[in-house]
Amino acid sequence: MQPSKVLIIDQSDLIHKLFRPILGKTVMVTAVDGREALRRLAEQPETDLIFLDIDTPPVNGVELLQKLLCAKGATGIPVVLVSSPGQEHDVIRGLQNGAAAYIKKPLRSEEVLGLTARLMQLYKPARGPGGEPL
């Protein structure tokens, strides 16, 4: 199961571009920092999944994670931490603070797709024929 809309938070345009072929037809909303991410989330409340780079200045990923999880309309949206090698302590803190999962760079298509499908099964509410929650 693929998400309909994903928010990618990373300061690198290259990372945004790497997600495009992986996510296919999924609508991709991007942000380069926490302030933009919170604004995009408010504008796009139907977001199904968030990928958050753990190293997103000026606020670190764990602090931004806490803000995202408390943001109006963000309840129930799984957040996947995206980390570089050597950031294990931040990943652990992120998971302890509500992240649904993590994935390491460099991104691999099959890993991203597998994780995305599992999270959509776990977090996506059941919908009736008209799209309304059951």
N, C-alpha and C. Protein backbone atom coordinates (compact mmCIF):
# COMPACT_ATOMS: atom_id res chain seq x y z
N MET A 1 0.85 -1.18 0.00
CA MET A 1 0.00 0.00 0.00
C MET A 1 0.89 1.24 0.00
N GLN A 2 0.65 2.12 -0.94
CA GLN A 2 1.43 3.36 -1.04
C GLN A 2 0.65 4.51 -0.40
N PRO A 3 1.36 5.44 0.22
CA PRO A 3 0.68 6.63 0.76
C PRO A 3 0.23 7.53 -0.39
N SER A 4 -0.81 8.32 -0.14
CA SER A 4 -1.27 9.28 -1.14
C SER A 4 -0.38 10.51 -1.16
N LYS A 5 0.04 10.94 0.05
CA LYS A 5 0.85 12.16 0.15
C LYS A 5 1.90 11.99 1.24
N VAL A 6 3.13 12.40 0.92
CA VAL A 6 4.26 12.28 1.84
C VAL A 6 4.93 13.64 1.98
N LEU A 7 5.33 13.96 3.21
CA LEU A 7 6.12 15.17 3.48
C LEU A 7 7.56 14.74 3.70
N ILE A 8 8.48 15.30 2.91
CA ILE A 8 9.91 15.01 3.02
C ILE A 8 10.58 16.24 3.61
N ILE A 9 11.22 16.08 4.77
CA ILE A 9 11.90 17.21 5.42
C ILE A 9 13.39 16.94 5.41
N ASP A 10 14.10 17.69 4.59
CA ASP A 10 15.55 17.55 4.45
C ASP A 10 16.07 18.82 3.82
N GLN A 11 17.22 19.29 4.27
CA GLN A 11 17.77 20.52 3.71
C GLN A 11 18.36 20.32 2.32
N SER A 12 18.49 19.09 1.88
CA SER A 12 19.11 18.78 0.60
C SER A 12 18.07 18.55 -0.50
N ASP A 13 18.14 19.36 -1.55
CA ASP A 13 17.28 19.15 -2.71
C ASP A 13 17.56 17.81 -3.36
N LEU A 14 18.79 17.34 -3.25
CA LEU A 14 19.16 16.05 -3.83
C LEU A 14 18.35 14.92 -3.18
N ILE A 15 18.19 14.97 -1.86
CA ILE A 15 17.39 13.96 -1.17
C ILE A 15 15.94 14.03 -1.63
N HIS A 16 15.41 15.24 -1.78
CA HIS A 16 14.05 15.39 -2.29
C HIS A 16 13.94 14.70 -3.65
N LYS A 17 14.92 14.94 -4.51
CA LYS A 17 14.90 14.36 -5.86
C LYS A 17 15.07 12.84 -5.82
N LEU A 18 15.82 12.31 -4.86
CA LEU A 18 16.00 10.86 -4.76
C LEU A 18 14.69 10.15 -4.40
N PHE A 19 13.84 10.81 -3.63
CA PHE A 19 12.57 10.21 -3.25
C PHE A 19 11.60 10.11 -4.43
N ARG A 20 11.69 11.04 -5.39
CA ARG A 20 10.72 11.10 -6.50
C ARG A 20 10.57 9.77 -7.24
N PRO A 21 11.64 9.16 -7.76
CA PRO A 21 11.45 7.90 -8.48
C PRO A 21 11.05 6.74 -7.56
N ILE A 22 11.41 6.83 -6.30
CA ILE A 22 11.05 5.76 -5.37
C ILE A 22 9.55 5.79 -5.07
N LEU A 23 9.01 6.98 -4.86
CA LEU A 23 7.62 7.11 -4.43
C LEU A 23 6.62 7.08 -5.59
N GLY A 24 7.10 7.19 -6.81
CA GLY A 24 6.22 7.07 -7.97
C GLY A 24 5.10 8.09 -8.00
N LYS A 25 3.87 7.62 -7.95
CA LYS A 25 2.70 8.49 -8.09
C LYS A 25 2.29 9.19 -6.80
N THR A 26 2.96 8.88 -5.71
CA THR A 26 2.66 9.54 -4.44
C THR A 26 2.94 11.04 -4.55
N VAL A 27 2.02 11.86 -4.06
CA VAL A 27 2.24 13.31 -4.04
C VAL A 27 3.31 13.58 -3.00
N MET A 28 4.34 14.32 -3.40
CA MET A 28 5.46 14.62 -2.53
C MET A 28 5.48 16.11 -2.19
N VAL A 29 5.43 16.41 -0.91
CA VAL A 29 5.54 17.78 -0.42
C VAL A 29 6.90 17.86 0.26
N THR A 30 7.66 18.92 0.00
CA THR A 30 9.00 19.01 0.56
C THR A 30 9.17 20.25 1.44
N ALA A 31 10.10 20.14 2.37
CA ALA A 31 10.47 21.24 3.25
C ALA A 31 11.95 21.13 3.55
N VAL A 32 12.61 22.28 3.73
CA VAL A 32 14.05 22.28 3.99
C VAL A 32 14.40 22.48 5.46
N ASP A 33 13.41 22.90 6.27
CA ASP A 33 13.67 23.11 7.70
C ASP A 33 12.37 22.95 8.48
N GLY A 34 12.48 23.06 9.78
CA GLY A 34 11.33 22.86 10.65
C GLY A 34 10.20 23.85 10.45
N ARG A 35 10.53 25.10 10.29
CA ARG A 35 9.50 26.13 10.11
C ARG A 35 8.69 25.84 8.84
N GLU A 36 9.40 25.55 7.76
CA GLU A 36 8.71 25.24 6.50
C GLU A 36 7.91 23.94 6.63
N ALA A 37 8.46 22.96 7.35
CA ALA A 37 7.77 21.68 7.53
C ALA A 37 6.44 21.87 8.25
N LEU A 38 6.44 22.65 9.31
CA LEU A 38 5.20 22.88 10.07
C LEU A 38 4.18 23.63 9.21
N ARG A 39 4.64 24.58 8.41
CA ARG A 39 3.74 25.31 7.51
C ARG A 39 3.16 24.36 6.45
N ARG A 40 4.01 23.55 5.85
CA ARG A 40 3.54 22.60 4.82
C ARG A 40 2.53 21.61 5.41
N LEU A 41 2.80 21.14 6.61
CA LEU A 41 1.89 20.20 7.26
C LEU A 41 0.53 20.85 7.52
N ALA A 42 0.53 22.10 7.92
CA ALA A 42 -0.73 22.82 8.14
C ALA A 42 -1.48 23.00 6.81
N GLU A 43 -0.75 23.21 5.73
CA GLU A 43 -1.36 23.38 4.41
C GLU A 43 -1.81 22.05 3.81
N GLN A 44 -1.20 20.97 4.23
CA GLN A 44 -1.45 19.64 3.66
C GLN A 44 -1.87 18.65 4.76
N PRO A 45 -3.01 18.85 5.39
CA PRO A 45 -3.39 18.01 6.53
C PRO A 45 -3.65 16.55 6.15
N GLU A 46 -3.84 16.27 4.87
CA GLU A 46 -4.10 14.89 4.46
C GLU A 46 -2.81 14.11 4.20
N THR A 47 -1.71 14.58 4.74
CA THR A 47 -0.42 13.89 4.63
C THR A 47 -0.51 12.53 5.32
N ASP A 48 0.01 11.50 4.65
CA ASP A 48 -0.05 10.14 5.19
C ASP A 48 1.22 9.71 5.91
N LEU A 49 2.35 10.33 5.56
CA LEU A 49 3.64 9.86 6.07
C LEU A 49 4.63 11.01 6.00
N ILE A 50 5.54 11.06 6.99
CA ILE A 50 6.58 12.09 7.03
C ILE A 50 7.94 11.42 7.10
N PHE A 51 8.85 11.83 6.22
CA PHE A 51 10.26 11.43 6.30
C PHE A 51 11.02 12.64 6.81
N LEU A 52 11.70 12.50 7.95
CA LEU A 52 12.38 13.60 8.62
C LEU A 52 13.87 13.32 8.75
N ASP A 53 14.68 14.13 8.09
CA ASP A 53 16.13 14.03 8.26
C ASP A 53 16.45 14.42 9.70
N ILE A 54 17.19 13.57 10.38
CA ILE A 54 17.48 13.80 11.79
C ILE A 54 18.41 14.99 12.00
N ASP A 55 19.08 15.41 10.94
CA ASP A 55 20.02 16.53 11.00
C ASP A 55 19.47 17.70 10.17
N THR A 56 18.41 18.32 10.68
CA THR A 56 17.75 19.41 9.97
C THR A 56 17.91 20.71 10.76
N PRO A 57 18.99 21.47 10.48
CA PRO A 57 19.20 22.72 11.20
C PRO A 57 18.08 23.73 10.92
N PRO A 58 17.83 24.69 11.74
CA PRO A 58 18.56 25.01 12.96
C PRO A 58 18.11 24.19 14.16
N VAL A 59 17.00 23.44 14.05
CA VAL A 59 16.51 22.60 15.15
C VAL A 59 16.91 21.17 14.84
N ASN A 60 17.35 20.42 15.85
CA ASN A 60 17.71 19.03 15.55
C ASN A 60 16.44 18.20 15.31
N GLY A 61 16.61 17.04 14.69
CA GLY A 61 15.49 16.21 14.28
C GLY A 61 14.58 15.77 15.40
N VAL A 62 15.15 15.49 16.57
CA VAL A 62 14.32 15.03 17.70
C VAL A 62 13.43 16.17 18.18
N GLU A 63 13.95 17.39 18.25
CA GLU A 63 13.14 18.53 18.64
C GLU A 63 12.03 18.79 17.62
N LEU A 64 12.39 18.70 16.35
CA LEU A 64 11.40 18.90 15.30
C LEU A 64 10.35 17.79 15.33
N LEU A 65 10.77 16.57 15.58
CA LEU A 65 9.85 15.44 15.71
C LEU A 65 8.79 15.74 16.75
N GLN A 66 9.20 16.23 17.91
CA GLN A 66 8.26 16.55 18.98
C GLN A 66 7.27 17.63 18.54
N LYS A 67 7.76 18.63 17.81
CA LYS A 67 6.87 19.69 17.31
C LYS A 67 5.89 19.13 16.28
N LEU A 68 6.38 18.26 15.40
CA LEU A 68 5.52 17.68 14.38
C LEU A 68 4.42 16.82 15.01
N LEU A 69 4.80 16.02 16.00
CA LEU A 69 3.82 15.13 16.63
C LEU A 69 2.76 15.90 17.41
N CYS A 70 3.08 17.13 17.81
CA CYS A 70 2.13 17.97 18.55
C CYS A 70 1.37 18.93 17.63
N ALA A 71 1.77 19.01 16.37
CA ALA A 71 1.16 19.96 15.44
C ALA A 71 -0.30 19.61 15.20
N LYS A 72 -1.10 20.64 15.06
CA LYS A 72 -2.52 20.44 14.78
C LYS A 72 -2.67 19.66 13.47
N GLY A 73 -3.45 18.61 13.51
CA GLY A 73 -3.70 17.81 12.33
C GLY A 73 -2.68 16.72 12.08
N ALA A 74 -1.63 16.65 12.89
CA ALA A 74 -0.57 15.66 12.65
C ALA A 74 -0.79 14.36 13.43
N THR A 75 -1.80 14.31 14.25
CA THR A 75 -2.05 13.12 15.05
C THR A 75 -2.23 11.90 14.15
N GLY A 76 -1.48 10.86 14.46
CA GLY A 76 -1.62 9.63 13.70
C GLY A 76 -0.78 9.54 12.45
N ILE A 77 -0.04 10.58 12.11
CA ILE A 77 0.83 10.52 10.93
C ILE A 77 2.17 9.94 11.37
N PRO A 78 2.56 8.80 10.81
CA PRO A 78 3.85 8.22 11.20
C PRO A 78 5.01 9.05 10.67
N VAL A 79 6.05 9.18 11.51
CA VAL A 79 7.26 9.91 11.14
C VAL A 79 8.41 8.91 11.06
N VAL A 80 9.09 8.92 9.91
CA VAL A 80 10.26 8.07 9.69
C VAL A 80 11.49 8.96 9.76
N LEU A 81 12.40 8.64 10.67
CA LEU A 81 13.65 9.38 10.77
C LEU A 81 14.60 8.89 9.68
N VAL A 82 15.25 9.83 9.02
CA VAL A 82 16.25 9.51 8.00
C VAL A 82 17.59 9.93 8.59
N SER A 83 18.49 8.95 8.74
CA SER A 83 19.75 9.25 9.42
C SER A 83 20.95 8.88 8.56
N SER A 84 22.04 9.53 8.86
CA SER A 84 23.32 9.20 8.27
C SER A 84 24.05 8.27 9.24
N PRO A 85 25.02 7.50 8.76
CA PRO A 85 25.80 6.68 9.68
C PRO A 85 26.40 7.54 10.80
N GLY A 86 26.41 7.00 12.01
CA GLY A 86 26.98 7.72 13.15
C GLY A 86 25.96 8.50 13.96
N GLN A 87 24.70 8.44 13.58
CA GLN A 87 23.67 9.20 14.31
C GLN A 87 22.77 8.29 15.15
N GLU A 88 23.31 7.13 15.55
CA GLU A 88 22.51 6.14 16.25
C GLU A 88 21.88 6.68 17.53
N HIS A 89 22.61 7.48 18.29
CA HIS A 89 22.05 8.01 19.54
C HIS A 89 20.85 8.92 19.27
N ASP A 90 20.89 9.69 18.19
CA ASP A 90 19.74 10.53 17.83
C ASP A 90 18.56 9.69 17.37
N VAL A 91 18.85 8.61 16.64
CA VAL A 91 17.77 7.71 16.19
C VAL A 91 17.08 7.09 17.39
N ILE A 92 17.85 6.62 18.35
CA ILE A 92 17.27 6.01 19.56
C ILE A 92 16.40 7.04 20.29
N ARG A 93 16.91 8.25 20.45
CA ARG A 93 16.11 9.31 21.10
C ARG A 93 14.84 9.58 20.32
N GLY A 94 14.93 9.59 19.00
CA GLY A 94 13.76 9.83 18.15
C GLY A 94 12.72 8.75 18.30
N LEU A 95 13.16 7.49 18.31
CA LEU A 95 12.22 6.38 18.48
C LEU A 95 11.57 6.43 19.86
N GLN A 96 12.35 6.81 20.88
CA GLN A 96 11.80 6.94 22.23
C GLN A 96 10.79 8.09 22.32
N ASN A 97 10.91 9.05 21.41
CA ASN A 97 10.03 10.23 21.43
C ASN A 97 8.91 10.17 20.40
N GLY A 98 8.64 9.01 19.84
CA GLY A 98 7.45 8.88 19.01
C GLY A 98 7.64 8.61 17.53
N ALA A 99 8.87 8.55 17.04
CA ALA A 99 9.06 8.22 15.62
C ALA A 99 8.57 6.78 15.39
N ALA A 100 8.00 6.55 14.24
CA ALA A 100 7.47 5.22 13.92
C ALA A 100 8.57 4.27 13.47
N ALA A 101 9.61 4.81 12.84
CA ALA A 101 10.69 3.97 12.30
C ALA A 101 11.84 4.86 11.90
N TYR A 102 12.90 4.24 11.40
CA TYR A 102 14.01 5.01 10.86
C TYR A 102 14.58 4.26 9.66
N ILE A 103 15.28 5.02 8.84
CA ILE A 103 15.95 4.46 7.67
C ILE A 103 17.27 5.20 7.53
N LYS A 104 18.31 4.47 7.10
CA LYS A 104 19.63 5.08 6.97
C LYS A 104 19.93 5.47 5.53
N LYS A 105 20.69 6.57 5.41
CA LYS A 105 21.23 6.95 4.10
C LYS A 105 22.45 6.08 3.84
N PRO A 106 22.75 5.73 2.64
CA PRO A 106 22.05 6.09 1.41
C PRO A 106 20.73 5.33 1.29
N LEU A 107 19.74 6.03 0.74
CA LEU A 107 18.42 5.45 0.60
C LEU A 107 18.42 4.37 -0.48
N ARG A 108 17.74 3.27 -0.18
CA ARG A 108 17.58 2.19 -1.15
C ARG A 108 16.10 2.04 -1.44
N SER A 109 15.75 2.01 -2.71
CA SER A 109 14.35 1.96 -3.14
C SER A 109 13.56 0.88 -2.43
N GLU A 110 14.08 -0.34 -2.43
CA GLU A 110 13.33 -1.45 -1.85
C GLU A 110 13.12 -1.29 -0.36
N GLU A 111 14.08 -0.69 0.33
CA GLU A 111 13.92 -0.42 1.77
C GLU A 111 12.84 0.61 2.02
N VAL A 112 12.88 1.72 1.26
CA VAL A 112 11.90 2.78 1.42
C VAL A 112 10.50 2.25 1.11
N LEU A 113 10.36 1.51 0.01
CA LEU A 113 9.05 0.98 -0.38
C LEU A 113 8.52 -0.03 0.63
N GLY A 114 9.38 -0.92 1.12
CA GLY A 114 8.96 -1.90 2.11
C GLY A 114 8.51 -1.25 3.41
N LEU A 115 9.30 -0.31 3.88
CA LEU A 115 8.97 0.39 5.12
C LEU A 115 7.68 1.19 4.95
N THR A 116 7.55 1.87 3.83
CA THR A 116 6.36 2.67 3.56
C THR A 116 5.11 1.78 3.56
N ALA A 117 5.19 0.65 2.90
CA ALA A 117 4.04 -0.26 2.84
C ALA A 117 3.66 -0.76 4.23
N ARG A 118 4.65 -1.15 5.03
CA ARG A 118 4.36 -1.63 6.39
C ARG A 118 3.72 -0.54 7.24
N LEU A 119 4.24 0.67 7.15
CA LEU A 119 3.68 1.76 7.96
C LEU A 119 2.27 2.12 7.52
N MET A 120 2.00 2.07 6.22
CA MET A 120 0.65 2.38 5.75
C MET A 120 -0.34 1.32 6.24
N GLN A 121 0.09 0.07 6.34
CA GLN A 121 -0.80 -0.97 6.88
C GLN A 121 -1.07 -0.73 8.36
N LEU A 122 -0.06 -0.29 9.08
CA LEU A 122 -0.20 -0.08 10.52
C LEU A 122 -0.96 1.19 10.87
N TYR A 123 -0.74 2.28 10.11
CA TYR A 123 -1.24 3.58 10.51
C TYR A 123 -2.43 4.09 9.71
N LYS A 124 -2.63 3.60 8.52
CA LYS A 124 -3.70 4.12 7.67
C LYS A 124 -5.04 3.62 8.20
N PRO A 125 -5.97 4.53 8.51
CA PRO A 125 -7.28 4.08 9.00
C PRO A 125 -8.03 3.33 7.91
N ALA A 126 -8.83 2.36 8.33
CA ALA A 126 -9.67 1.64 7.38
C ALA A 126 -10.68 2.62 6.79
N ARG A 127 -10.90 2.51 5.48
CA ARG A 127 -11.80 3.42 4.79
C ARG A 127 -12.90 2.64 4.09
N GLY A 128 -14.07 3.24 4.07
CA GLY A 128 -15.20 2.65 3.36
C GLY A 128 -15.11 2.92 1.87
N PRO A 129 -16.11 2.48 1.11
CA PRO A 129 -16.09 2.65 -0.35
C PRO A 129 -16.02 4.11 -0.78
N GLY A 130 -16.55 5.01 0.00
CA GLY A 130 -16.52 6.43 -0.35
C GLY A 130 -15.30 7.15 0.18
N GLY A 131 -14.37 6.42 0.82
CA GLY A 131 -13.16 7.04 1.36
C GLY A 131 -13.29 7.51 2.79
N GLU A 132 -14.49 7.38 3.38
CA GLU A 132 -14.67 7.84 4.75
C GLU A 132 -14.13 6.81 5.74
N PRO A 133 -13.62 7.27 6.89
CA PRO A 133 -13.11 6.33 7.91
C PRO A 133 -14.25 5.42 8.38
N LEU A 134 -13.89 4.16 8.64
CA LEU A 134 -14.88 3.19 9.15
C LEU A 134 -14.99 3.29 10.66
